[in-house]
Amino acid sequence: MKTLMHICCAPCANRPIAALREEGIELAGFWYNPNIHPYTEYQARKHTLEEYSKEIGMKLIIGGSYDLRTFITNVADNIDGRCAYCYRVRMEETARYAAENGYDSFTTSLLISPYQNHEAIRVTAQAMGEKYGVEFLYRDFRPLFQAGQEFAREHGFYMQKYCGCIFSEEDRYMAAKRKKKARQAAAQSTAP
């Protein structure tokens, strides 16, 4: 079976790639992530994936480009609901490319993350597969998450600190700020 795997980053993809290859699936990678910002983050993730793909001898297709304005325009009216747009645009482009280029199926490395909405990804990808007439190859890769992170650290991969969009980076900083404030408040309440 020829499968196209949408890949968000090498740290998330390494164990799913290995697992699918162990199943005997012929795999190609597909980089399509117009949600990742800023440009330096986009380039760092893409470069790491390009190097890893060469290392393991996996074909990698680079789709799309850095596209901040289009992403922001499409999520500006519903920033809290941005993930639905993000899943749809990436799964749609992956399904379209797979159908037009003779792949039997497609999947995504997003299915490894315990931080993503797994069910929303699955439902969206299945809908896009139906739209383009290509099978969505579903796997729950979440049990491989920790091993993938360890593999990435051992191999010196660039490892991001947030999902990818500028708003998820903001969320990360705001969460850290809230934790710091809570620690300070707790320290003050226990001080004599």
C-alpha atoms as a PDB file:
ATOM      1  CA  MET A   1       0.000   0.000   0.000  1.00  0.00           C
ATOM      2  CA  LYS A   2       1.306   3.478  -0.939  1.00  0.00           C
ATOM      3  CA  THR A   3       0.504   5.965   1.811  1.00  0.00           C
ATOM      4  CA  LEU A   4       1.112   9.696   2.004  1.00  0.00           C
ATOM      5  CA  MET A   5       1.774  10.889   5.541  1.00  0.00           C
ATOM      6  CA  HIS A   6       1.099  14.501   6.400  1.00  0.00           C
ATOM      7  CA  ILE A   7       3.929  15.445   8.756  1.00  0.00           C
ATOM      8  CA  CYS A   8       3.818  18.325  11.206  1.00  0.00           C
ATOM      9  CA  CYS A   9       7.399  17.787  12.445  1.00  0.00           C
ATOM     10  CA  ALA A  10      10.099  15.129  12.721  1.00  0.00           C
ATOM     11  CA  PRO A  11       9.714  14.658  16.511  1.00  0.00           C
ATOM     12  CA  CYS A  12       6.061  13.672  16.010  1.00  0.00           C
ATOM     13  CA  ALA A  13       6.619  11.647  12.843  1.00  0.00           C
ATOM     14  CA  ASN A  14       9.586   9.406  13.624  1.00  0.00           C
ATOM     15  CA  ARG A  15       7.758   6.617  15.513  1.00  0.00           C
ATOM     16  CA  PRO A  16       4.630   6.614  13.270  1.00  0.00           C
ATOM     17  CA  ILE A  17       6.924   6.313  10.234  1.00  0.00           C
ATOM     18  CA  ALA A  18       8.713   3.366  11.832  1.00  0.00           C
ATOM     19  CA  ALA A  19       5.428   1.696  12.838  1.00  0.00           C
ATOM     20  CA  LEU A  20       3.886   2.000   9.368  1.00  0.00           C
ATOM     21  CA  ARG A  21       7.058   0.761   7.691  1.00  0.00           C
ATOM     22  CA  GLU A  22       7.005  -2.254  10.017  1.00  0.00           C
ATOM     23  CA  GLU A  23       3.522  -2.973   8.662  1.00  0.00           C
ATOM     24  CA  GLY A  24       5.030  -3.045   5.161  1.00  0.00           C
ATOM     25  CA  ILE A  25       3.447   0.230   4.079  1.00  0.00           C
ATOM     26  CA  GLU A  26       5.298   2.198   1.404  1.00  0.00           C
ATOM     27  CA  LEU A  27       5.398   5.667   2.886  1.00  0.00           C
ATOM     28  CA  ALA A  28       6.089   9.154   1.552  1.00  0.00           C
ATOM     29  CA  GLY A  29       6.092  12.270   3.709  1.00  0.00           C
ATOM     30  CA  PHE A  30       4.103  15.408   2.958  1.00  0.00           C
ATOM     31  CA  TRP A  31       5.059  18.732   4.513  1.00  0.00           C
ATOM     32  CA  TYR A  32       2.101  21.096   4.372  1.00  0.00           C
ATOM     33  CA  ASN A  33       1.831  23.357   7.407  1.00  0.00           C
ATOM     34  CA  PRO A  34       0.816  26.937   6.577  1.00  0.00           C
ATOM     35  CA  ASN A  35      -0.229  27.336  10.213  1.00  0.00           C
ATOM     36  CA  ILE A  36       3.311  27.289  11.612  1.00  0.00           C
ATOM     37  CA  HIS A  37       4.609  30.713  12.617  1.00  0.00           C
ATOM     38  CA  PRO A  38       6.862  32.645  12.757  1.00  0.00           C
ATOM     39  CA  TYR A  39       8.935  32.043   9.645  1.00  0.00           C
ATOM     40  CA  THR A  40      11.977  30.912  11.640  1.00  0.00           C
ATOM     41  CA  GLU A  41       9.854  28.242  13.345  1.00  0.00           C
ATOM     42  CA  TYR A  42       8.445  27.096   9.994  1.00  0.00           C
ATOM     43  CA  GLN A  43      11.947  26.802   8.547  1.00  0.00           C
ATOM     44  CA  ALA A  44      13.418  25.023  11.587  1.00  0.00           C
ATOM     45  CA  ARG A  45      10.718  22.333  11.568  1.00  0.00           C
ATOM     46  CA  LYS A  46      10.895  21.883   7.787  1.00  0.00           C
ATOM     47  CA  HIS A  47      14.692  21.666   7.779  1.00  0.00           C
ATOM     48  CA  THR A  48      14.719  19.054  10.557  1.00  0.00           C
ATOM     49  CA  LEU A  49      12.187  16.962   8.640  1.00  0.00           C
ATOM     50  CA  GLU A  50      14.134  17.289   5.379  1.00  0.00           C
ATOM     51  CA  GLU A  51      17.311  16.052   7.074  1.00  0.00           C
ATOM     52  CA  TYR A  52      15.526  13.169   8.793  1.00  0.00           C
ATOM     53  CA  SER A  53      13.818  12.124   5.553  1.00  0.00           C
ATOM     54  CA  LYS A  54      17.199  11.941   3.827  1.00  0.00           C
ATOM     55  CA  GLU A  55      18.636   9.949   6.730  1.00  0.00           C
ATOM     56  CA  ILE A  56      15.907   7.286   6.537  1.00  0.00           C
ATOM     57  CA  GLY A  57      15.536   7.303   2.749  1.00  0.00           C
ATOM     58  CA  MET A  58      11.932   8.488   2.718  1.00  0.00           C
ATOM     59  CA  LYS A  59      10.535  10.539  -0.135  1.00  0.00           C
ATOM     60  CA  LEU A  60       9.370  13.931   1.121  1.00  0.00           C
ATOM     61  CA  ILE A  61       7.071  16.255  -0.793  1.00  0.00           C
ATOM     62  CA  ILE A  62       7.098  19.918   0.203  1.00  0.00           C
ATOM     63  CA  GLY A  63       3.636  21.365  -0.320  1.00  0.00           C
ATOM     64  CA  GLY A  64       2.626  24.973   0.063  1.00  0.00           C
ATOM     65  CA  SER A  65       4.742  27.658   1.645  1.00  0.00           C
ATOM     66  CA  TYR A  66       4.905  29.951   4.625  1.00  0.00           C
ATOM     67  CA  ASP A  67       1.599  31.811   4.494  1.00  0.00           C
ATOM     68  CA  LEU A  68       0.924  33.925   7.589  1.00  0.00           C
ATOM     69  CA  ARG A  69      -1.621  36.273   6.017  1.00  0.00           C
ATOM     70  CA  THR A  70      -3.877  33.512   4.680  1.00  0.00           C
ATOM     71  CA  PHE A  71      -3.793  31.665   7.999  1.00  0.00           C
ATOM     72  CA  ILE A  72      -4.577  34.786  10.044  1.00  0.00           C
ATOM     73  CA  THR A  73      -7.348  35.838   7.635  1.00  0.00           C
ATOM     74  CA  ASN A  74      -9.023  32.434   7.996  1.00  0.00           C
ATOM     75  CA  VAL A  75      -8.896  32.264  11.796  1.00  0.00           C
ATOM     76  CA  ALA A  76      -9.261  35.938  12.759  1.00  0.00           C
ATOM     77  CA  ASP A  77     -13.015  35.710  13.362  1.00  0.00           C
ATOM     78  CA  ASN A  78     -12.680  32.644  15.595  1.00  0.00           C
ATOM     79  CA  ILE A  79      -9.226  32.432  17.115  1.00  0.00           C
ATOM     80  CA  ASP A  80     -10.351  29.968  19.803  1.00  0.00           C
ATOM     81  CA  GLY A  81     -11.738  27.698  17.053  1.00  0.00           C
ATOM     82  CA  ARG A  82      -8.618  27.933  14.915  1.00  0.00           C
ATOM     83  CA  CYS A  83      -7.700  24.254  15.259  1.00  0.00           C
ATOM     84  CA  ALA A  84     -10.721  23.150  13.212  1.00  0.00           C
ATOM     85  CA  TYR A  85      -9.546  25.325  10.311  1.00  0.00           C
ATOM     86  CA  CYS A  86      -5.991  24.124  10.785  1.00  0.00           C
ATOM     87  CA  TYR A  87      -6.963  20.437  10.693  1.00  0.00           C
ATOM     88  CA  ARG A  88      -9.239  20.935   7.703  1.00  0.00           C
ATOM     89  CA  VAL A  89      -6.796  22.844   5.512  1.00  0.00           C
ATOM     90  CA  ARG A  90      -3.950  20.398   6.154  1.00  0.00           C
ATOM     91  CA  MET A  91      -6.024  17.229   5.799  1.00  0.00           C
ATOM     92  CA  GLU A  92      -7.720  18.571   2.673  1.00  0.00           C
ATOM     93  CA  GLU A  93      -4.451  19.372   0.931  1.00  0.00           C
ATOM     94  CA  THR A  94      -2.983  15.995   1.938  1.00  0.00           C
ATOM     95  CA  ALA A  95      -6.036  14.090   0.672  1.00  0.00           C
ATOM     96  CA  ARG A  96      -6.090  16.088  -2.558  1.00  0.00           C
ATOM     97  CA  TYR A  97      -2.389  15.491  -3.205  1.00  0.00           C
ATOM     98  CA  ALA A  98      -2.685  11.787  -2.373  1.00  0.00           C
ATOM     99  CA  ALA A  99      -5.658  11.320  -4.720  1.00  0.00           C
ATOM    100  CA  GLU A 100      -4.056  13.241  -7.585  1.00  0.00           C
ATOM    101  CA  ASN A 101      -0.728  11.433  -7.284  1.00  0.00           C
ATOM    102  CA  GLY A 102      -1.758   7.784  -7.062  1.00  0.00           C
ATOM    103  CA  TYR A 103      -1.526   7.091  -3.344  1.00  0.00           C
ATOM    104  CA  ASP A 104      -3.798   4.405  -1.915  1.00  0.00           C
ATOM    105  CA  SER A 105      -4.261   6.252   1.361  1.00  0.00           C
ATOM    106  CA  PHE A 106      -3.109   9.104   3.552  1.00  0.00           C
ATOM    107  CA  THR A 107      -2.540   9.654   7.255  1.00  0.00           C
ATOM    108  CA  THR A 108      -1.026  12.254   9.571  1.00  0.00           C
ATOM    109  CA  SER A 109       1.618  12.443  12.278  1.00  0.00           C
ATOM    110  CA  LEU A 110      -0.748  14.717  14.207  1.00  0.00           C
ATOM    111  CA  LEU A 111      -2.350  11.516  15.506  1.00  0.00           C
ATOM    112  CA  ILE A 112       0.581  10.996  17.881  1.00  0.00           C
ATOM    113  CA  SER A 113       0.044  14.117  19.952  1.00  0.00           C
ATOM    114  CA  PRO A 114      -1.791  13.894  23.272  1.00  0.00           C
ATOM    115  CA  TYR A 115      -2.229  17.679  22.972  1.00  0.00           C
ATOM    116  CA  GLN A 116      -4.272  17.608  19.746  1.00  0.00           C
ATOM    117  CA  ASN A 117      -7.995  16.923  19.370  1.00  0.00           C
ATOM    118  CA  HIS A 118      -7.589  13.368  18.122  1.00  0.00           C
ATOM    119  CA  GLU A 119     -11.256  12.806  17.298  1.00  0.00           C
ATOM    120  CA  ALA A 120     -11.547  16.071  15.358  1.00  0.00           C
ATOM    121  CA  ILE A 121      -8.481  15.142  13.305  1.00  0.00           C
ATOM    122  CA  ARG A 122      -9.893  11.693  12.540  1.00  0.00           C
ATOM    123  CA  VAL A 123     -13.340  12.976  11.543  1.00  0.00           C
ATOM    124  CA  THR A 124     -11.884  15.779   9.418  1.00  0.00           C
ATOM    125  CA  ALA A 125      -9.406  13.491   7.666  1.00  0.00           C
ATOM    126  CA  GLN A 126     -12.099  10.900   6.930  1.00  0.00           C
ATOM    127  CA  ALA A 127     -14.314  13.612   5.420  1.00  0.00           C
ATOM    128  CA  MET A 128     -11.457  14.849   3.246  1.00  0.00           C
ATOM    129  CA  GLY A 129     -10.692  11.289   2.159  1.00  0.00           C
ATOM    130  CA  GLU A 130     -14.307  10.853   1.088  1.00  0.00           C
ATOM    131  CA  LYS A 131     -14.265  14.205  -0.711  1.00  0.00           C
ATOM    132  CA  TYR A 132     -11.201  13.255  -2.775  1.00  0.00           C
ATOM    133  CA  GLY A 133     -11.843   9.518  -3.086  1.00  0.00           C
ATOM    134  CA  VAL A 134      -8.789   8.339  -1.168  1.00  0.00           C
ATOM    135  CA  GLU A 135      -8.732   6.234   1.989  1.00  0.00           C
ATOM    136  CA  PHE A 136      -7.786   7.829   5.286  1.00  0.00           C
ATOM    137  CA  LEU A 137      -5.488   5.372   7.057  1.00  0.00           C
ATOM    138  CA  TYR A 138      -6.360   5.819  10.712  1.00  0.00           C
ATOM    139  CA  ARG A 139      -3.954   4.856  13.462  1.00  0.00           C
ATOM    140  CA  ASP A 140      -3.900   5.999  17.075  1.00  0.00           C
ATOM    141  CA  PHE A 141      -0.202   6.771  17.404  1.00  0.00           C
ATOM    142  CA  ARG A 142      -0.514   8.352  20.876  1.00  0.00           C
ATOM    143  CA  PRO A 143       1.031   5.340  22.683  1.00  0.00           C
ATOM    144  CA  LEU A 144       4.220   6.102  20.674  1.00  0.00           C
ATOM    145  CA  PHE A 145       4.447   9.734  21.812  1.00  0.00           C
ATOM    146  CA  GLN A 146       7.003   9.342  24.612  1.00  0.00           C
ATOM    147  CA  ALA A 147       9.245   7.052  22.536  1.00  0.00           C
ATOM    148  CA  GLY A 148       9.103   9.567  19.688  1.00  0.00           C
ATOM    149  CA  GLN A 149      10.131  12.406  21.972  1.00  0.00           C
ATOM    150  CA  GLU A 150      13.021  10.358  23.361  1.00  0.00           C
ATOM    151  CA  PHE A 151      14.118   9.385  19.836  1.00  0.00           C
ATOM    152  CA  ALA A 152      14.030  13.058  18.799  1.00  0.00           C
ATOM    153  CA  ARG A 153      16.175  14.127  21.765  1.00  0.00           C
ATOM    154  CA  GLU A 154      18.679  11.310  21.174  1.00  0.00           C
ATOM    155  CA  HIS A 155      18.977  12.334  17.517  1.00  0.00           C
ATOM    156  CA  GLY A 156      19.345  16.046  18.248  1.00  0.00           C
ATOM    157  CA  PHE A 157      16.182  17.091  16.407  1.00  0.00           C
ATOM    158  CA  TYR A 158      14.932  20.614  16.713  1.00  0.00           C
ATOM    159  CA  MET A 159      12.027  20.298  19.158  1.00  0.00           C
ATOM    160  CA  GLN A 160       9.392  22.993  19.240  1.00  0.00           C
ATOM    161  CA  LYS A 161       7.714  24.262  22.371  1.00  0.00           C
ATOM    162  CA  TYR A 162       4.223  24.859  20.955  1.00  0.00           C
ATOM    163  CA  CYS A 163       1.774  23.434  18.436  1.00  0.00           C
ATOM    164  CA  GLY A 164       2.688  25.765  15.615  1.00  0.00           C
ATOM    165  CA  CYS A 165       0.453  28.774  15.175  1.00  0.00           C
ATOM    166  CA  ILE A 166       1.244  32.108  16.703  1.00  0.00           C
ATOM    167  CA  PHE A 167      -1.799  31.795  18.961  1.00  0.00           C
ATOM    168  CA  SER A 168      -0.609  28.487  20.413  1.00  0.00           C
ATOM    169  CA  GLU A 169       2.695  30.178  21.209  1.00  0.00           C
ATOM    170  CA  GLU A 170       0.762  32.943  22.948  1.00  0.00           C
ATOM    171  CA  ASP A 171      -1.182  30.288  24.904  1.00  0.00           C
ATOM    172  CA  ARG A 172       2.105  28.740  26.032  1.00  0.00           C
ATOM    173  CA  TYR A 173       3.430  32.051  27.339  1.00  0.00           C
ATOM    174  CA  MET A 174       0.168  32.938  29.047  1.00  0.00           C
ATOM    175  CA  ALA A 175       0.008  29.537  30.763  1.00  0.00           C
ATOM    176  CA  ALA A 176       3.568  30.004  32.037  1.00  0.00           C
ATOM    177  CA  LYS A 177       2.661  33.467  33.299  1.00  0.00           C
ATOM    178  CA  ARG A 178      -0.411  32.100  35.140  1.00  0.00           C
ATOM    179  CA  LYS A 179       1.675  29.336  36.755  1.00  0.00           C
ATOM    180  CA  LYS A 180       4.282  31.838  37.905  1.00  0.00           C
ATOM    181  CA  LYS A 181       1.588  34.092  39.386  1.00  0.00           C
ATOM    182  CA  ALA A 182      -0.011  31.119  41.173  1.00  0.00           C
ATOM    183  CA  ARG A 183       3.377  30.061  42.636  1.00  0.00           C
ATOM    184  CA  GLN A 184       4.006  33.600  43.847  1.00  0.00           C
ATOM    185  CA  ALA A 185       0.564  33.786  45.439  1.00  0.00           C
ATOM    186  CA  ALA A 186       1.085  30.407  47.130  1.00  0.00           C
ATOM    187  CA  ALA A 187       4.490  31.503  48.445  1.00  0.00           C
ATOM    188  CA  GLN A 188       3.034  34.722  49.819  1.00  0.00           C
ATOM    189  CA  SER A 189       0.160  32.902  51.561  1.00  0.00           C
ATOM    190  CA  THR A 190       2.552  30.541  53.341  1.00  0.00           C
ATOM    191  CA  ALA A 191       5.051  33.272  54.304  1.00  0.00           C
ATOM    192  CA  PRO A 192       5.049  34.232  58.037  1.00  0.00           C
END
